[in-house]
C-alpha atoms as a PDB file:
ATOM      1  CA  MET A   1      21.316  65.367  70.818  1.00  0.00           C
ATOM      2  CA  LYS A   2      24.539  63.492  70.158  1.00  0.00           C
ATOM      3  CA  PRO A   3      23.732  60.488  72.419  1.00  0.00           C
ATOM      4  CA  THR A   4      20.298  60.258  70.821  1.00  0.00           C
ATOM      5  CA  LEU A   5      21.713  60.266  67.292  1.00  0.00           C
ATOM      6  CA  MET A   6      24.360  57.760  68.292  1.00  0.00           C
ATOM      7  CA  PHE A   7      21.701  55.486  69.780  1.00  0.00           C
ATOM      8  CA  LYS A   8      19.592  55.679  66.608  1.00  0.00           C
ATOM      9  CA  PHE A   9      22.623  54.933  64.481  1.00  0.00           C
ATOM     10  CA  SER A  10      23.489  51.898  66.625  1.00  0.00           C
ATOM     11  CA  ILE A  11      19.923  50.546  66.338  1.00  0.00           C
ATOM     12  CA  CYS A  12      19.911  51.025  62.560  1.00  0.00           C
ATOM     13  CA  TYR A  13      23.301  49.373  62.201  1.00  0.00           C
ATOM     14  CA  LEU A  14      22.213  46.431  64.352  1.00  0.00           C
ATOM     15  CA  PHE A  15      19.047  46.030  62.297  1.00  0.00           C
ATOM     16  CA  PHE A  16      21.153  46.130  59.113  1.00  0.00           C
ATOM     17  CA  LEU A  17      23.416  43.331  60.368  1.00  0.00           C
ATOM     18  CA  ILE A  18      20.453  41.188  61.393  1.00  0.00           C
ATOM     19  CA  SER A  19      18.867  41.709  57.980  1.00  0.00           C
ATOM     20  CA  LEU A  20      22.061  40.639  56.237  1.00  0.00           C
ATOM     21  CA  SER A  21      22.247  37.539  58.403  1.00  0.00           C
ATOM     22  CA  VAL A  22      18.646  36.575  57.652  1.00  0.00           C
ATOM     23  CA  LEU A  23      19.126  37.147  53.932  1.00  0.00           C
ATOM     24  CA  ALA A  24      22.285  35.034  53.921  1.00  0.00           C
ATOM     25  CA  GLN A  25      20.504  32.162  55.651  1.00  0.00           C
ATOM     26  CA  ASN A  26      17.501  32.265  53.316  1.00  0.00           C
ATOM     27  CA  GLU A  27      19.248  33.128  50.075  1.00  0.00           C
ATOM     28  CA  ASP A  28      17.642  31.185  47.221  1.00  0.00           C
ATOM     29  CA  GLN A  29      19.901  29.099  45.031  1.00  0.00           C
ATOM     30  CA  GLN A  30      19.857  30.119  41.368  1.00  0.00           C
ATOM     31  CA  ILE A  31      21.320  28.697  38.178  1.00  0.00           C
ATOM     32  CA  SER A  32      21.194  29.956  34.608  1.00  0.00           C
ATOM     33  CA  ILE A  33      20.543  27.402  31.845  1.00  0.00           C
ATOM     34  CA  LYS A  34      22.243  28.427  28.618  1.00  0.00           C
ATOM     35  CA  TYR A  35      20.964  27.629  25.148  1.00  0.00           C
ATOM     36  CA  ILE A  36      23.782  25.757  23.391  1.00  0.00           C
ATOM     37  CA  PRO A  37      22.977  23.950  20.122  1.00  0.00           C
ATOM     38  CA  GLU A  38      25.495  21.169  20.701  1.00  0.00           C
ATOM     39  CA  ILE A  39      24.900  17.493  21.447  1.00  0.00           C
ATOM     40  CA  PRO A  40      27.419  15.902  23.823  1.00  0.00           C
ATOM     41  CA  GLN A  41      28.196  12.214  23.784  1.00  0.00           C
ATOM     42  CA  ILE A  42      26.239  10.620  26.610  1.00  0.00           C
ATOM     43  CA  ASP A  43      28.971   8.412  28.063  1.00  0.00           C
ATOM     44  CA  GLY A  44      29.242   9.669  31.642  1.00  0.00           C
ATOM     45  CA  ILE A  45      32.541  11.446  30.960  1.00  0.00           C
ATOM     46  CA  LEU A  46      32.293  15.234  31.061  1.00  0.00           C
ATOM     47  CA  ASP A  47      35.209  15.865  28.730  1.00  0.00           C
ATOM     48  CA  GLU A  48      33.454  17.928  26.033  1.00  0.00           C
ATOM     49  CA  ARG A  49      34.152  21.664  25.951  1.00  0.00           C
ATOM     50  CA  VAL A  50      30.444  22.403  25.987  1.00  0.00           C
ATOM     51  CA  TRP A  51      30.368  21.609  29.720  1.00  0.00           C
ATOM     52  CA  GLU A  52      32.826  24.438  30.353  1.00  0.00           C
ATOM     53  CA  LYS A  53      30.277  26.872  28.902  1.00  0.00           C
ATOM     54  CA  ALA A  54      27.480  25.716  31.212  1.00  0.00           C
ATOM     55  CA  GLU A  55      26.999  27.341  34.602  1.00  0.00           C
ATOM     56  CA  SER A  56      27.594  25.130  37.646  1.00  0.00           C
ATOM     57  CA  ALA A  57      25.335  24.728  40.698  1.00  0.00           C
ATOM     58  CA  THR A  58      27.485  23.968  43.734  1.00  0.00           C
ATOM     59  CA  LYS A  59      27.617  24.580  47.505  1.00  0.00           C
ATOM     60  CA  PHE A  60      25.301  21.777  48.534  1.00  0.00           C
ATOM     61  CA  GLN A  61      23.855  22.079  52.039  1.00  0.00           C
ATOM     62  CA  GLN A  62      24.115  19.147  54.407  1.00  0.00           C
ATOM     63  CA  TYR A  63      20.760  17.606  55.323  1.00  0.00           C
ATOM     64  CA  PHE A  64      21.894  14.714  57.538  1.00  0.00           C
ATOM     65  CA  PRO A  65      23.311  14.360  60.141  1.00  0.00           C
ATOM     66  CA  SER A  66      23.338  18.159  60.513  1.00  0.00           C
ATOM     67  CA  ASP A  67      21.396  20.695  58.472  1.00  0.00           C
ATOM     68  CA  THR A  68      23.354  23.804  59.482  1.00  0.00           C
ATOM     69  CA  ILE A  69      26.599  23.422  57.506  1.00  0.00           C
ATOM     70  CA  LEU A  70      27.761  22.991  53.942  1.00  0.00           C
ATOM     71  CA  ALA A  71      28.302  19.469  52.608  1.00  0.00           C
ATOM     72  CA  GLN A  72      31.854  18.216  53.213  1.00  0.00           C
ATOM     73  CA  LYS A  73      31.836  16.439  49.840  1.00  0.00           C
ATOM     74  CA  ASP A  74      30.418  18.940  47.389  1.00  0.00           C
ATOM     75  CA  THR A  75      28.412  18.288  44.222  1.00  0.00           C
ATOM     76  CA  GLY A  76      28.499  20.270  40.985  1.00  0.00           C
ATOM     77  CA  ILE A  77      25.618  20.260  38.511  1.00  0.00           C
ATOM     78  CA  ARG A  78      25.879  21.838  35.051  1.00  0.00           C
ATOM     79  CA  MET A  79      22.909  22.151  32.698  1.00  0.00           C
ATOM     80  CA  PHE A  80      22.198  23.442  29.211  1.00  0.00           C
ATOM     81  CA  TYR A  81      19.578  22.791  26.546  1.00  0.00           C
ATOM     82  CA  ASP A  82      19.406  22.752  22.759  1.00  0.00           C
ATOM     83  CA  GLY A  83      15.666  23.172  22.244  1.00  0.00           C
ATOM     84  CA  THR A  84      14.851  19.452  22.345  1.00  0.00           C
ATOM     85  CA  HIS A  85      16.831  18.052  25.307  1.00  0.00           C
ATOM     86  CA  LEU A  86      17.991  19.166  28.720  1.00  0.00           C
ATOM     87  CA  TYR A  87      21.593  17.985  29.190  1.00  0.00           C
ATOM     88  CA  ILE A  88      22.952  17.607  32.717  1.00  0.00           C
ATOM     89  CA  GLY A  89      26.543  17.030  33.807  1.00  0.00           C
ATOM     90  CA  ILE A  90      27.109  16.089  37.456  1.00  0.00           C
ATOM     91  CA  ARG A  91      30.339  15.693  39.416  1.00  0.00           C
ATOM     92  CA  LEU A  92      30.029  14.190  42.906  1.00  0.00           C
ATOM     93  CA  GLU A  93      32.955  14.196  45.330  1.00  0.00           C
ATOM     94  CA  THR A  94      33.372  11.062  47.480  1.00  0.00           C
ATOM     95  CA  SER A  95      35.837   9.448  49.882  1.00  0.00           C
ATOM     96  CA  GLY A  96      36.468   6.427  47.686  1.00  0.00           C
ATOM     97  CA  SER A  97      34.755   4.068  45.299  1.00  0.00           C
ATOM     98  CA  ASN A  98      32.983   1.651  47.663  1.00  0.00           C
ATOM     99  CA  TYR A  99      29.530   2.523  46.387  1.00  0.00           C
ATOM    100  CA  VAL A 100      26.364   0.786  47.544  1.00  0.00           C
ATOM    101  CA  THR A 101      23.378  -0.169  45.411  1.00  0.00           C
ATOM    102  CA  PRO A 102      20.392  -2.286  46.531  1.00  0.00           C
ATOM    103  CA  SER A 103      19.806  -3.844  43.106  1.00  0.00           C
ATOM    104  CA  LEU A 104      20.367  -3.378  39.406  1.00  0.00           C
ATOM    105  CA  LYS A 105      16.705  -2.679  38.675  1.00  0.00           C
ATOM    106  CA  ARG A 106      15.310   0.546  37.319  1.00  0.00           C
ATOM    107  CA  ASP A 107      13.365   2.827  39.682  1.00  0.00           C
ATOM    108  CA  PHE A 108      15.509   1.935  42.697  1.00  0.00           C
ATOM    109  CA  ARG A 109      14.748   3.554  46.033  1.00  0.00           C
ATOM    110  CA  ALA A 110      17.172   6.256  47.155  1.00  0.00           C
ATOM    111  CA  GLY A 111      17.502   5.282  50.805  1.00  0.00           C
ATOM    112  CA  GLY A 112      20.651   3.521  51.983  1.00  0.00           C
ATOM    113  CA  ASN A 113      22.644   3.741  48.742  1.00  0.00           C
ATOM    114  CA  ASP A 114      24.706   6.163  46.664  1.00  0.00           C
ATOM    115  CA  ASN A 115      22.730   8.232  44.182  1.00  0.00           C
ATOM    116  CA  ILE A 116      21.607  11.704  43.211  1.00  0.00           C
ATOM    117  CA  SER A 117      18.093  12.905  42.368  1.00  0.00           C
ATOM    118  CA  LEU A 118      16.987  15.966  40.383  1.00  0.00           C
ATOM    119  CA  LEU A 119      13.606  17.624  40.969  1.00  0.00           C
ATOM    120  CA  PHE A 120      11.917  19.976  38.477  1.00  0.00           C
ATOM    121  CA  ASP A 121       8.832  22.007  39.400  1.00  0.00           C
ATOM    122  CA  THR A 122       7.977  23.207  35.891  1.00  0.00           C
ATOM    123  CA  PHE A 123       4.746  25.035  36.789  1.00  0.00           C
ATOM    124  CA  LYS A 124       6.205  26.645  39.924  1.00  0.00           C
ATOM    125  CA  ASP A 125       3.128  25.631  41.901  1.00  0.00           C
ATOM    126  CA  ASP A 126       5.045  24.152  44.882  1.00  0.00           C
ATOM    127  CA  THR A 127       2.821  21.079  44.520  1.00  0.00           C
ATOM    128  CA  ASN A 128       3.915  18.833  41.636  1.00  0.00           C
ATOM    129  CA  ALA A 129       7.336  17.981  40.248  1.00  0.00           C
ATOM    130  CA  PHE A 130       9.223  15.563  38.004  1.00  0.00           C
ATOM    131  CA  LEU A 131      12.095  13.582  39.544  1.00  0.00           C
ATOM    132  CA  PHE A 132      15.014  11.944  37.728  1.00  0.00           C
ATOM    133  CA  GLY A 133      17.736  10.010  39.520  1.00  0.00           C
ATOM    134  CA  ILE A 134      20.965   8.180  38.712  1.00  0.00           C
ATOM    135  CA  ASN A 135      23.608   6.300  40.720  1.00  0.00           C
ATOM    136  CA  PRO A 136      27.354   5.605  40.198  1.00  0.00           C
ATOM    137  CA  PHE A 137      26.566   2.441  38.222  1.00  0.00           C
ATOM    138  CA  GLY A 138      24.419   4.243  35.660  1.00  0.00           C
ATOM    139  CA  LEU A 139      21.084   2.939  36.969  1.00  0.00           C
ATOM    140  CA  ILE A 140      18.292   5.444  36.448  1.00  0.00           C
ATOM    141  CA  ARG A 141      14.920   6.117  37.975  1.00  0.00           C
ATOM    142  CA  GLU A 142      12.084   8.598  37.569  1.00  0.00           C
ATOM    143  CA  ALA A 143       9.053   9.532  39.630  1.00  0.00           C
ATOM    144  CA  LEU A 144       6.161  11.951  39.867  1.00  0.00           C
ATOM    145  CA  ILE A 145       5.931  14.013  43.036  1.00  0.00           C
ATOM    146  CA  SER A 146       2.590  15.415  44.169  1.00  0.00           C
ATOM    147  CA  ASN A 147       1.098  16.919  47.328  1.00  0.00           C
ATOM    148  CA  ALA A 148       4.207  19.119  47.664  1.00  0.00           C
ATOM    149  CA  GLY A 149       6.335  16.067  48.431  1.00  0.00           C
ATOM    150  CA  GLY A 150       5.191  16.068  52.030  1.00  0.00           C
ATOM    151  CA  SER A 151       3.955  12.486  52.249  1.00  0.00           C
ATOM    152  CA  ASP A 152       4.862   9.046  50.939  1.00  0.00           C
ATOM    153  CA  GLY A 153       1.661   9.001  48.922  1.00  0.00           C
ATOM    154  CA  GLY A 154       3.023  11.818  46.779  1.00  0.00           C
ATOM    155  CA  PHE A 155       5.980   9.832  45.409  1.00  0.00           C
ATOM    156  CA  ASN A 156       5.002   7.679  42.418  1.00  0.00           C
ATOM    157  CA  THR A 157       7.715   5.559  40.794  1.00  0.00           C
ATOM    158  CA  SER A 158       5.261   3.812  38.429  1.00  0.00           C
ATOM    159  CA  TRP A 159       5.617   6.732  36.030  1.00  0.00           C
ATOM    160  CA  ASP A 160       8.024   5.933  33.192  1.00  0.00           C
ATOM    161  CA  VAL A 161       9.417   8.089  30.385  1.00  0.00           C
ATOM    162  CA  LYS A 162      12.199   7.603  27.877  1.00  0.00           C
ATOM    163  CA  TRP A 163      15.486   9.294  28.729  1.00  0.00           C
ATOM    164  CA  LYS A 164      19.067   8.168  29.111  1.00  0.00           C
ATOM    165  CA  GLY A 165      21.979   8.674  31.421  1.00  0.00           C
ATOM    166  CA  GLU A 166      25.437   7.242  32.010  1.00  0.00           C
ATOM    167  CA  ALA A 167      27.850   7.381  34.951  1.00  0.00           C
ATOM    168  CA  ARG A 168      31.589   6.795  35.417  1.00  0.00           C
ATOM    169  CA  SER A 169      33.623   6.283  38.578  1.00  0.00           C
ATOM    170  CA  PHE A 170      36.991   7.908  39.202  1.00  0.00           C
ATOM    171  CA  GLU A 171      39.299   8.309  42.184  1.00  0.00           C
ATOM    172  CA  ASN A 172      37.413  10.132  44.954  1.00  0.00           C
ATOM    173  CA  TYR A 173      34.552  11.187  42.691  1.00  0.00           C
ATOM    174  CA  TYR A 174      32.116   9.974  40.073  1.00  0.00           C
ATOM    175  CA  THR A 175      30.324  11.718  37.242  1.00  0.00           C
ATOM    176  CA  ALA A 176      26.876  11.323  35.719  1.00  0.00           C
ATOM    177  CA  GLU A 177      25.541  12.585  32.400  1.00  0.00           C
ATOM    178  CA  PRO A 178      21.741  12.470  31.933  1.00  0.00           C
ATOM    179  CA  ALA A 179      19.988  13.657  28.765  1.00  0.00           C
ATOM    180  CA  ILE A 180      16.271  14.290  29.282  1.00  0.00           C
ATOM    181  CA  PRO A 181      13.977  15.122  26.339  1.00  0.00           C
ATOM    182  CA  LEU A 182      11.878  18.211  26.962  1.00  0.00           C
ATOM    183  CA  THR A 183       8.884  16.119  25.908  1.00  0.00           C
ATOM    184  CA  SER A 184       9.293  14.262  29.212  1.00  0.00           C
ATOM    185  CA  PHE A 185       8.192  17.397  31.046  1.00  0.00           C
ATOM    186  CA  LYS A 186       5.011  19.423  30.970  1.00  0.00           C
ATOM    187  CA  PHE A 187       5.312  23.219  30.991  1.00  0.00           C
ATOM    188  CA  LYS A 188       3.758  26.394  29.675  1.00  0.00           C
ATOM    189  CA  GLU A 189       4.738  27.771  26.302  1.00  0.00           C
ATOM    190  CA  GLY A 190       7.277  30.579  26.527  1.00  0.00           C
ATOM    191  CA  GLU A 191       8.305  29.665  30.077  1.00  0.00           C
ATOM    192  CA  THR A 192      11.694  30.977  31.204  1.00  0.00           C
ATOM    193  CA  LYS A 193      11.891  29.826  34.837  1.00  0.00           C
ATOM    194  CA  TRP A 194      11.456  26.519  36.663  1.00  0.00           C
ATOM    195  CA  ARG A 195      11.974  25.655  40.304  1.00  0.00           C
ATOM    196  CA  PHE A 196      14.743  23.124  40.875  1.00  0.00           C
ATOM    197  CA  ASN A 197      16.402  21.170  43.628  1.00  0.00           C
ATOM    198  CA  SER A 198      18.645  18.150  43.979  1.00  0.00           C
ATOM    199  CA  TYR A 199      19.520  15.771  46.778  1.00  0.00           C
ATOM    200  CA  ARG A 200      22.209  13.103  47.040  1.00  0.00           C
ATOM    201  CA  SER A 201      23.107  10.257  49.357  1.00  0.00           C
ATOM    202  CA  ASP A 202      26.722   9.433  50.252  1.00  0.00           C
ATOM    203  CA  THR A 203      26.991   6.105  52.084  1.00  0.00           C
ATOM    204  CA  GLN A 204      30.768   6.254  52.559  1.00  0.00           C
ATOM    205  CA  ASN A 205      30.401   9.347  54.729  1.00  0.00           C
ATOM    206  CA  ASN A 206      26.869   8.510  55.930  1.00  0.00           C
ATOM    207  CA  LYS A 207      25.615  11.907  54.824  1.00  0.00           C
ATOM    208  CA  THR A 208      22.885  13.355  52.651  1.00  0.00           C
ATOM    209  CA  SER A 209      22.891  16.836  51.150  1.00  0.00           C
ATOM    210  CA  THR A 210      20.672  19.099  49.069  1.00  0.00           C
ATOM    211  CA  TRP A 211      21.298  22.005  46.709  1.00  0.00           C
ATOM    212  CA  ALA A 212      18.595  24.222  48.209  1.00  0.00           C
ATOM    213  CA  LYS A 213      18.689  24.022  51.997  1.00  0.00           C
ATOM    214  CA  ILE A 214      15.964  21.866  53.552  1.00  0.00           C
ATOM    215  CA  PRO A 215      15.424  21.635  57.329  1.00  0.00           C
ATOM    216  CA  GLN A 216      15.948  18.147  58.676  1.00  0.00           C
ATOM    217  CA  ASN A 217      12.390  17.973  60.011  1.00  0.00           C
ATOM    218  CA  GLN A 218      11.061  18.247  56.438  1.00  0.00           C
ATOM    219  CA  SER A 219      10.923  15.641  53.695  1.00  0.00           C
ATOM    220  CA  ILE A 220      14.111  15.593  51.633  1.00  0.00           C
ATOM    221  CA  TYR A 221      12.010  15.862  48.458  1.00  0.00           C
ATOM    222  CA  SER A 222       9.785  18.596  49.837  1.00  0.00           C
ATOM    223  CA  LEU A 223       8.810  21.137  47.173  1.00  0.00           C
ATOM    224  CA  ALA A 224       8.577  23.944  49.702  1.00  0.00           C
ATOM    225  CA  PHE A 225      12.358  24.434  49.603  1.00  0.00           C
ATOM    226  CA  MET A 226      13.704  24.793  46.073  1.00  0.00           C
ATOM    227  CA  GLY A 227      16.016  26.987  44.064  1.00  0.00           C
ATOM    228  CA  GLU A 228      15.393  28.573  40.691  1.00  0.00           C
ATOM    229  CA  MET A 229      16.644  27.753  37.202  1.00  0.00           C
ATOM    230  CA  THR A 230      16.383  30.394  34.469  1.00  0.00           C
ATOM    231  CA  PHE A 231      16.495  29.530  30.770  1.00  0.00           C
ATOM    232  CA  GLU A 232      18.474  31.799  28.477  1.00  0.00           C
ATOM    233  CA  LYS A 233      15.732  31.617  25.823  1.00  0.00           C
ATOM    234  CA  PRO A 234      12.001  31.043  26.366  1.00  0.00           C
ATOM    235  CA  LEU A 235      10.941  27.445  25.955  1.00  0.00           C
ATOM    236  CA  GLY A 236       8.892  26.601  22.899  1.00  0.00           C
ATOM    237  CA  LYS A 237       5.499  24.998  22.806  1.00  0.00           C
ATOM    238  CA  TYR A 238       5.163  21.912  24.950  1.00  0.00           C
ATOM    239  CA  ARG A 239       5.057  18.831  22.753  1.00  0.00           C
ATOM    240  CA  THR A 240       4.216  15.308  23.786  1.00  0.00           C
ATOM    241  CA  PRO A 241       4.724  12.661  21.114  1.00  0.00           C
ATOM    242  CA  ILE A 242       1.674  10.601  20.263  1.00  0.00           C
ATOM    243  CA  ALA A 243       1.888   7.372  22.250  1.00  0.00           C
ATOM    244  CA  ILE A 244       0.526   4.346  20.416  1.00  0.00           C
ATOM    245  CA  ILE A 245       0.262   0.916  22.062  1.00  0.00           C
ATOM    246  CA  PRO A 246      -0.923  -1.627  19.463  1.00  0.00           C
ATOM    247  CA  TYR A 247      -1.831  -5.242  20.014  1.00  0.00           C
ATOM    248  CA  VAL A 248      -2.418  -8.301  17.806  1.00  0.00           C
ATOM    249  CA  ASN A 249      -4.139 -11.478  19.003  1.00  0.00           C
ATOM    250  CA  THR A 250      -4.172 -14.600  16.866  1.00  0.00           C
ATOM    251  CA  LEU A 251      -6.072 -17.818  17.500  1.00  0.00           C
ATOM    252  CA  ALA A 252      -5.611 -20.876  15.295  1.00  0.00           C
ATOM    253  CA  GLN A 253      -7.443 -24.162  15.802  1.00  0.00           C
ATOM    254  CA  LYS A 254      -7.965 -27.408  13.879  1.00  0.00           C
ATOM    255  CA  ASN A 255     -10.206 -30.432  14.244  1.00  0.00           C
ATOM    256  CA  PHE A 256      -8.106 -33.430  13.163  1.00  0.00           C
ATOM    257  CA  GLU A 257     -11.180 -35.694  12.857  1.00  0.00           C
ATOM    258  CA  THR A 258     -12.961 -33.513  10.317  1.00  0.00           C
ATOM    259  CA  ASN A 259      -9.876 -31.596   9.100  1.00  0.00           C
ATOM    260  CA  ALA A 260     -11.778 -28.385   9.774  1.00  0.00           C
ATOM    261  CA  SER A 261      -9.605 -25.429  10.733  1.00  0.00           C
ATOM    262  CA  LYS A 262     -10.300 -21.911  11.920  1.00  0.00           C
ATOM    263  CA  THR A 263      -8.125 -18.859  12.322  1.00  0.00           C
ATOM    264  CA  ASN A 264      -9.139 -15.741  14.226  1.00  0.00           C
ATOM    265  CA  LEU A 265      -7.166 -12.496  14.052  1.00  0.00           C
ATOM    266  CA  LYS A 266      -7.822  -9.451  16.219  1.00  0.00           C
ATOM    267  CA  PHE A 267      -5.974  -6.153  16.274  1.00  0.00           C
ATOM    268  CA  GLY A 268      -6.388  -2.821  17.986  1.00  0.00           C
ATOM    269  CA  GLY A 269      -4.645  -0.601  20.468  1.00  0.00           C
ATOM    270  CA  ASP A 270      -4.563   2.499  22.617  1.00  0.00           C
ATOM    271  CA  ALA A 271      -3.396   5.968  21.645  1.00  0.00           C
ATOM    272  CA  LYS A 272      -2.628   9.028  23.761  1.00  0.00           C
ATOM    273  CA  VAL A 273      -2.738  12.443  22.102  1.00  0.00           C
ATOM    274  CA  ALA A 274      -1.716  15.645  23.870  1.00  0.00           C
ATOM    275  CA  ILE A 275      -4.124  18.576  23.786  1.00  0.00           C
ATOM    276  CA  GLY A 276      -2.358  21.658  25.101  1.00  0.00           C
ATOM    277  CA  TYR A 277       0.057  21.191  27.989  1.00  0.00           C
ATOM    278  CA  GLY A 278      -2.377  19.854  30.578  1.00  0.00           C
ATOM    279  CA  THR A 279      -4.839  17.614  28.742  1.00  0.00           C
ATOM    280  CA  ASN A 280      -4.513  14.232  27.056  1.00  0.00           C
ATOM    281  CA  LEU A 281      -6.989  12.507  24.766  1.00  0.00           C
ATOM    282  CA  ASP A 282      -7.123   8.729  25.268  1.00  0.00           C
ATOM    283  CA  ILE A 283      -8.355   6.719  22.278  1.00  0.00           C
ATOM    284  CA  THR A 284      -9.051   2.997  22.291  1.00  0.00           C
ATOM    285  CA  LEU A 285      -9.731   0.863  19.228  1.00  0.00           C
ATOM    286  CA  ASN A 286     -11.189  -2.628  19.793  1.00  0.00           C
ATOM    287  CA  PRO A 287     -10.353  -2.777  23.522  1.00  0.00           C
ATOM    288  CA  ASP A 288      -8.642  -5.963  24.642  1.00  0.00           C
ATOM    289  CA  PHE A 289      -7.467  -6.150  28.231  1.00  0.00           C
ATOM    290  CA  SER A 290      -5.240  -9.197  27.885  1.00  0.00           C
ATOM    291  CA  ASN A 291      -2.250  -6.921  27.195  1.00  0.00           C
ATOM    292  CA  VAL A 292      -2.577  -4.989  30.490  1.00  0.00           C
ATOM    293  CA  GLU A 293       0.315  -5.608  32.864  1.00  0.00           C
ATOM    294  CA  VAL A 294      -0.782  -7.778  35.769  1.00  0.00           C
ATOM    295  CA  ASP A 295       0.061  -7.126  39.402  1.00  0.00           C
ATOM    296  CA  ASN A 296       2.900  -8.920  41.118  1.00  0.00           C
ATOM    297  CA  VAL A 297       1.941 -12.024  43.076  1.00  0.00           C
ATOM    298  CA  PHE A 298       2.568 -11.930  46.827  1.00  0.00           C
ATOM    299  CA  THR A 299       2.011 -14.623  49.438  1.00  0.00           C
ATOM    300  CA  ASN A 300       0.590 -12.660  52.323  1.00  0.00           C
ATOM    301  CA  LEU A 301       0.583 -14.576  55.606  1.00  0.00           C
ATOM    302  CA  THR A 302      -0.060 -11.543  57.781  1.00  0.00           C
ATOM    303  CA  ARG A 303      -3.307  -9.929  58.866  1.00  0.00           C
ATOM    304  CA  PHE A 304      -2.448  -6.784  56.920  1.00  0.00           C
ATOM    305  CA  GLU A 305      -3.456  -6.186  53.344  1.00  0.00           C
ATOM    306  CA  VAL A 306      -0.835  -5.717  50.627  1.00  0.00           C
ATOM    307  CA  SER A 307      -0.744  -2.393  48.801  1.00  0.00           C
ATOM    308  CA  LEU A 308       0.257  -2.666  45.137  1.00  0.00           C
ATOM    309  CA  SER A 309       1.391   0.296  43.081  1.00  0.00           C
ATOM    310  CA  GLU A 310      -0.898   1.611  40.361  1.00  0.00           C
ATOM    311  CA  LYS A 311       0.249   0.626  36.858  1.00  0.00           C
ATOM    312  CA  ARG A 312      -2.617   1.800  34.651  1.00  0.00           C
ATOM    313  CA  GLN A 313      -1.370   4.712  32.576  1.00  0.00           C
ATOM    314  CA  PHE A 314      -4.409   6.912  33.069  1.00  0.00           C
ATOM    315  CA  PHE A 315      -4.061   6.851  36.850  1.00  0.00           C
ATOM    316  CA  VAL A 316      -0.250   7.077  36.854  1.00  0.00           C
ATOM    317  CA  ASN A 317      -0.170  10.231  34.702  1.00  0.00           C
ATOM    318  CA  ASN A 318      -2.758  11.819  37.006  1.00  0.00           C
ATOM    319  CA  SER A 319      -1.396  10.498  40.276  1.00  0.00           C
ATOM    320  CA  ASP A 320      -1.733  13.912  41.911  1.00  0.00           C
ATOM    321  CA  LEU A 321      -5.511  13.477  41.600  1.00  0.00           C
ATOM    322  CA  PHE A 322      -5.942   9.766  42.227  1.00  0.00           C
ATOM    323  CA  SER A 323      -3.108   8.629  44.513  1.00  0.00           C
ATOM    324  CA  SER A 324      -4.282  10.414  47.658  1.00  0.00           C
ATOM    325  CA  PHE A 325      -7.690  11.816  46.885  1.00  0.00           C
ATOM    326  CA  GLU A 326      -9.258  13.383  49.980  1.00  0.00           C
ATOM    327  CA  GLY A 327      -6.065  12.966  51.976  1.00  0.00           C
ATOM    328  CA  SER A 328      -5.192   9.622  53.519  1.00  0.00           C
ATOM    329  CA  GLN A 329      -8.793   8.483  54.021  1.00  0.00           C
ATOM    330  CA  ASP A 330     -10.333   5.595  52.110  1.00  0.00           C
ATOM    331  CA  ALA A 331     -12.058   7.846  49.610  1.00  0.00           C
ATOM    332  CA  ASN A 332     -11.114   7.528  45.954  1.00  0.00           C
ATOM    333  CA  PRO A 333     -12.782   8.740  42.763  1.00  0.00           C
ATOM    334  CA  PHE A 334     -13.961   6.137  40.319  1.00  0.00           C
ATOM    335  CA  LEU A 335     -14.276   5.972  36.570  1.00  0.00           C
ATOM    336  CA  LEU A 336     -17.444   5.189  34.680  1.00  0.00           C
ATOM    337  CA  ASP A 337     -16.366   3.182  31.653  1.00  0.00           C
ATOM    338  CA  VAL A 338     -19.056   2.802  28.996  1.00  0.00           C
ATOM    339  CA  LEU A 339     -18.684   0.856  25.766  1.00  0.00           C
ATOM    340  CA  VAL A 340     -20.959   2.762  23.400  1.00  0.00           C
ATOM    341  CA  SER A 341     -20.340   0.522  20.405  1.00  0.00           C
ATOM    342  CA  PRO A 342     -17.577  -1.819  19.243  1.00  0.00           C
ATOM    343  CA  GLY A 343     -14.403   0.217  19.136  1.00  0.00           C
ATOM    344  CA  ILE A 344     -15.813   3.326  20.863  1.00  0.00           C
ATOM    345  CA  ARG A 345     -15.392   3.810  24.583  1.00  0.00           C
ATOM    346  CA  ILE A 346     -16.275   6.794  26.796  1.00  0.00           C
ATOM    347  CA  THR A 347     -14.503   7.185  30.119  1.00  0.00           C
ATOM    348  CA  THR A 348     -15.598   9.799  32.642  1.00  0.00           C
ATOM    349  CA  LEU A 349     -14.791  10.656  36.234  1.00  0.00           C
END
């Protein structure tokens, strides 16, 4: 009896150790977001006392060149909200101040330069997310991620919202301080949890790291591997401000032989009104397409066609539906645009 009991005990103990090991390797990262009704000065310097009250997300996992160890230069992310904005304070350890940036334009690409990106899956559907990024020089970018972040077609930098962020460089580290209005996100009323992850690139050490561990054979912005952020108080009703894009066209002409003159004035615009948290109403008055942003001009001397990013707002805000409809095949939905009468337009899929 004793050997049998001892054998059972050994098996149970071994199973217990294996379970602990598996849990440690797959432990989800979590961070609590406190409600603090204070507004810090967005200057890139985290010297306000409010940042000491916010919980910090640390222990970044290395993604490249190895995905089995902790990052040698850690990153700390603190977050809190005041009901209207999500404030983020970031401290990134480095080996110096020789930072690399490809340009000074907004919506820079993250490859081959120093920066950090923040991903928010507000509906916890593992499919769509909002991305905000900043580099040591204070340049910012934002993007919509769809298709779970598993393909290039699911990364849309044409999406633009209004937010601000500043960064400051110090000896062997730099800090960043973004302030993102909650109206930049879409979420359910009363929500208390979002999925969150962050990844950074460090050119001085030639390493990339993520907050929630991502295997190296997966996309670094994959939504399958994310941590969890919990709000201290439930979020209020999602509100999107009414977006109004007016236009005015004026034409003045004169015939100097007859002294006859004519002036023509046209006005109108587009408006976007939120209905709930997942539907927008688009209204157009006196449509005039001369104010639509034109595509960039490229001289293409190759036998391959040039792919230009979508800039029309309707398609950008719904890029998860239109950017890669039916996978990577050449099958895209189209819109039927009917002008019922002057000033009234019906658009349907």
